N, C-alpha and C. Protein backbone atom coordinates (compact mmCIF):
# COMPACT_ATOMS: atom_id res chain seq x y z
N UNK A 1 109.03 50.57 149.92
CA UNK A 1 108.43 51.77 150.31
C UNK A 1 107.80 52.48 149.12
N UNK A 2 106.64 52.53 149.05
CA UNK A 2 105.97 53.54 147.96
C UNK A 2 106.54 55.07 147.58
N UNK A 3 106.74 54.79 146.18
CA UNK A 3 107.07 56.61 146.02
C UNK A 3 105.90 57.68 146.24
N UNK A 4 106.62 58.59 146.64
CA UNK A 4 105.48 59.94 146.82
C UNK A 4 105.20 60.30 145.54
N UNK A 5 103.78 60.78 145.73
CA UNK A 5 103.13 61.77 144.23
C UNK A 5 103.73 63.14 144.46
N UNK A 6 104.79 63.62 143.42
CA UNK A 6 105.21 64.43 143.37
C UNK A 6 103.98 65.58 142.58
N UNK A 7 103.80 66.74 143.14
CA UNK A 7 102.83 67.88 143.19
C UNK A 7 104.26 69.16 142.48
N UNK A 8 103.74 69.50 141.56
CA UNK A 8 104.71 71.18 141.01
C UNK A 8 103.79 72.16 141.37
N UNK A 9 103.56 72.92 141.94
CA UNK A 9 102.74 74.15 142.42
C UNK A 9 103.40 75.30 141.89
N UNK A 10 103.06 75.68 140.64
CA UNK A 10 103.55 77.14 139.84
C UNK A 10 102.84 78.11 140.24
N UNK A 11 103.41 79.02 141.02
CA UNK A 11 102.02 80.16 141.77
C UNK A 11 102.64 81.21 141.97
N UNK A 12 102.29 82.57 141.96
CA UNK A 12 102.68 83.83 142.08
C UNK A 12 101.85 83.86 143.76
N UNK A 13 102.83 84.47 144.49
CA UNK A 13 102.38 84.83 145.66
C UNK A 13 101.68 85.79 146.11
N UNK A 14 101.28 86.78 144.88
CA UNK A 14 100.07 87.55 144.93
C UNK A 14 98.95 87.48 144.37
N UNK A 15 98.81 86.14 144.01
CA UNK A 15 97.72 85.81 143.09
C UNK A 15 96.81 85.39 144.20
N UNK A 16 95.59 85.59 144.35
CA UNK A 16 94.49 84.75 145.30
C UNK A 16 93.79 83.69 144.76
N UNK A 17 93.74 83.57 143.19
CA UNK A 17 93.57 82.21 142.64
C UNK A 17 94.35 81.22 142.92
N UNK A 18 95.71 81.62 142.62
CA UNK A 18 96.68 80.53 143.29
C UNK A 18 96.66 80.39 144.66
N UNK A 19 96.23 81.06 145.88
CA UNK A 19 95.91 80.74 147.35
C UNK A 19 94.71 79.86 147.25
N UNK A 20 93.55 80.00 146.43
CA UNK A 20 92.31 79.33 146.98
C UNK A 20 92.70 78.17 146.12
N UNK A 21 93.50 77.92 144.98
CA UNK A 21 94.02 76.31 144.17
C UNK A 21 94.27 75.46 145.11
N UNK A 22 95.46 76.31 145.94
CA UNK A 22 96.38 75.60 146.97
C UNK A 22 95.87 75.00 148.18
N UNK A 23 94.95 76.02 148.80
CA UNK A 23 94.09 75.54 149.86
C UNK A 23 92.80 74.65 149.48
N UNK A 24 92.58 74.24 148.84
CA UNK A 24 91.37 73.30 147.98
C UNK A 24 92.37 71.74 147.66
N UNK A 25 93.50 72.08 147.22
CA UNK A 25 94.56 70.89 146.88
C UNK A 25 94.74 70.51 148.02
N UNK A 26 95.15 71.45 149.29
CA UNK A 26 95.41 70.76 150.44
C UNK A 26 94.30 70.24 151.44
N UNK A 27 93.44 70.62 151.45
CA UNK A 27 91.52 70.02 151.93
C UNK A 27 91.63 68.91 151.12
N UNK A 28 92.07 68.22 149.90
CA UNK A 28 91.59 67.00 149.53
C UNK A 28 92.71 66.26 149.67
N UNK A 29 93.80 66.76 149.82
CA UNK A 29 95.16 66.04 150.62
C UNK A 29 94.63 65.22 152.01
N UNK A 30 94.18 66.46 152.98
CA UNK A 30 93.97 66.17 154.20
C UNK A 30 92.73 65.03 154.27
N UNK A 31 91.74 65.18 153.66
CA UNK A 31 90.56 64.36 153.56
C UNK A 31 90.57 63.06 152.93
N UNK A 32 91.77 63.39 151.97
CA UNK A 32 91.98 61.32 151.48
C UNK A 32 93.06 61.30 152.23
N UNK A 33 93.81 61.65 153.57
CA UNK A 33 94.69 61.05 154.60
C UNK A 33 95.63 60.76 154.07
N UNK A 34 96.28 61.44 152.97
CA UNK A 34 97.44 61.52 152.43
C UNK A 34 98.70 62.00 152.21
N UNK A 35 98.63 62.90 153.45
CA UNK A 35 99.56 63.90 153.64
C UNK A 35 101.09 62.79 153.47
N UNK A 36 101.06 62.16 153.92
CA UNK A 36 102.40 61.09 154.02
C UNK A 36 102.83 60.68 152.83
N UNK A 37 102.33 60.58 151.66
CA UNK A 37 102.16 59.97 150.39
C UNK A 37 102.54 61.25 148.89
N UNK A 38 102.39 62.54 149.84
CA UNK A 38 102.41 63.68 148.54
C UNK A 38 103.70 64.37 149.11
N UNK A 39 104.18 64.92 148.06
CA UNK A 39 105.34 65.67 148.08
C UNK A 39 104.95 67.07 147.22
N UNK A 40 105.28 68.31 147.39
CA UNK A 40 104.55 69.03 146.85
C UNK A 40 106.10 70.01 146.94
N UNK A 41 106.51 70.69 145.66
CA UNK A 41 107.29 71.54 145.59
C UNK A 41 106.86 72.77 145.12
N UNK A 42 107.41 74.13 145.42
CA UNK A 42 106.69 75.15 144.96
C UNK A 42 107.61 75.62 143.73
N UNK A 43 107.18 75.94 142.52
CA UNK A 43 108.00 76.73 141.41
C UNK A 43 107.37 78.29 141.76
N UNK A 44 108.44 79.17 141.48
CA UNK A 44 107.90 80.55 141.08
C UNK A 44 107.36 81.26 139.59
N UNK A 45 106.19 81.46 139.71
CA UNK A 45 105.44 82.40 138.51
C UNK A 45 105.09 83.62 138.88
N UNK A 46 105.56 84.89 137.92
CA UNK A 46 105.36 86.36 137.83
C UNK A 46 104.49 86.64 137.15
N UNK A 47 103.11 86.98 137.75
CA UNK A 47 102.30 87.14 136.53
C UNK A 47 102.28 88.59 135.83
N UNK A 48 102.97 89.27 136.61
CA UNK A 48 103.49 90.43 136.08
C UNK A 48 104.76 91.11 136.01
N UNK A 49 105.28 90.47 135.01
CA UNK A 49 106.88 90.89 135.23
C UNK A 49 107.34 92.20 135.18
N UNK A 50 106.33 93.47 134.44
CA UNK A 50 106.49 94.81 134.53
C UNK A 50 106.37 95.53 135.27
N UNK A 51 106.12 94.69 136.65
CA UNK A 51 105.64 95.45 137.91
C UNK A 51 106.82 95.85 138.42
N UNK A 52 106.92 97.32 138.52
CA UNK A 52 108.21 97.90 139.48
C UNK A 52 108.48 97.68 140.43
N UNK A 53 109.23 97.46 141.12
CA UNK A 53 109.78 96.92 142.61
C UNK A 53 108.94 97.41 143.73
N UNK A 54 108.66 98.78 143.33
CA UNK A 54 107.82 99.52 144.70
C UNK A 54 106.91 99.55 144.39
N UNK A 55 106.23 98.58 143.49
CA UNK A 55 104.50 98.24 142.92
C UNK A 55 103.87 99.60 142.42
N UNK A 56 102.49 99.38 142.60
CA UNK A 56 101.82 100.11 141.64
C UNK A 56 100.52 100.56 142.47
N UNK A 57 100.13 101.92 141.62
CA UNK A 57 98.83 102.31 142.60
C UNK A 57 97.82 101.02 141.95
N UNK A 58 96.92 100.89 142.35
CA UNK A 58 95.68 99.75 142.02
C UNK A 58 95.56 100.54 141.17
N UNK A 59 94.50 101.45 141.14
CA UNK A 59 93.72 101.93 140.04
C UNK A 59 94.52 101.85 138.56
N UNK A 60 95.70 102.68 138.88
CA UNK A 60 96.20 102.74 137.79
C UNK A 60 97.03 101.48 136.88
N UNK A 61 97.11 100.48 138.17
CA UNK A 61 97.23 98.93 137.25
C UNK A 61 95.81 98.68 136.96
N UNK A 62 94.92 98.56 136.95
CA UNK A 62 93.73 98.15 136.52
C UNK A 62 93.46 98.92 135.28
N UNK A 63 93.74 100.46 135.19
CA UNK A 63 93.42 100.92 134.02
C UNK A 63 94.73 100.41 133.13
N UNK A 64 95.57 100.07 133.54
CA UNK A 64 96.61 99.22 132.59
C UNK A 64 96.03 98.28 131.76
N UNK A 65 95.83 97.42 133.01
CA UNK A 65 95.72 95.60 132.51
C UNK A 65 94.55 95.70 132.17
N UNK A 66 93.70 96.43 132.09
CA UNK A 66 91.69 95.75 131.64
C UNK A 66 91.22 97.30 130.60
N UNK A 67 92.10 98.35 130.31
CA UNK A 67 91.48 99.35 130.03
C UNK A 67 90.53 100.34 130.52
N UNK A 68 90.17 100.14 131.87
CA UNK A 68 89.29 100.48 132.80
C UNK A 68 89.74 101.97 133.18
N UNK A 69 88.87 103.08 132.91
CA UNK A 69 89.00 104.64 133.21
C UNK A 69 89.12 104.52 134.86
N UNK A 70 89.49 105.51 135.55
CA UNK A 70 89.41 105.85 136.87
C UNK A 70 87.68 106.04 137.51
N UNK A 71 87.32 106.73 136.78
CA UNK A 71 85.63 107.45 136.00
C UNK A 71 84.93 105.58 136.01
N UNK A 72 85.28 104.91 134.97
CA UNK A 72 84.65 103.41 135.07
C UNK A 72 84.82 102.89 136.09
N UNK A 73 86.01 102.54 137.16
CA UNK A 73 86.31 101.73 137.91
C UNK A 73 85.56 102.80 139.21
N UNK A 74 85.37 103.85 139.50
CA UNK A 74 84.25 104.51 140.42
C UNK A 74 82.77 104.22 140.21
N UNK A 75 82.40 104.29 139.25
CA UNK A 75 80.96 103.57 138.74
C UNK A 75 81.30 102.46 139.12
N UNK A 76 81.86 101.39 138.72
CA UNK A 76 81.36 99.70 138.76
C UNK A 76 81.56 99.94 140.29
N UNK A 77 82.46 100.11 141.21
CA UNK A 77 82.58 100.03 142.39
C UNK A 77 81.50 100.84 143.33
N UNK A 78 80.60 101.37 142.83
CA UNK A 78 79.30 101.90 143.35
C UNK A 78 78.12 101.60 143.28
N UNK A 79 78.02 100.30 142.57
CA UNK A 79 76.91 99.74 142.08
C UNK A 79 76.68 98.87 143.13
């Protein structure tokens, strides 16, 4: 019996890019018809280790992460 290809996916559950990447991988596996030849193992990754357990207001988070003021965020969203 042939060994399975093991793929480790390191992902943060709230990361949209992680979801997009996984969906593309899943589609490729299905299109190739190799579902029974692949083993996926999920590994945790935390993009923001300093996020409080109760979460954070999205505007505050963007201001801290990117240095964008609330006024700049409003201007960008109104374009």
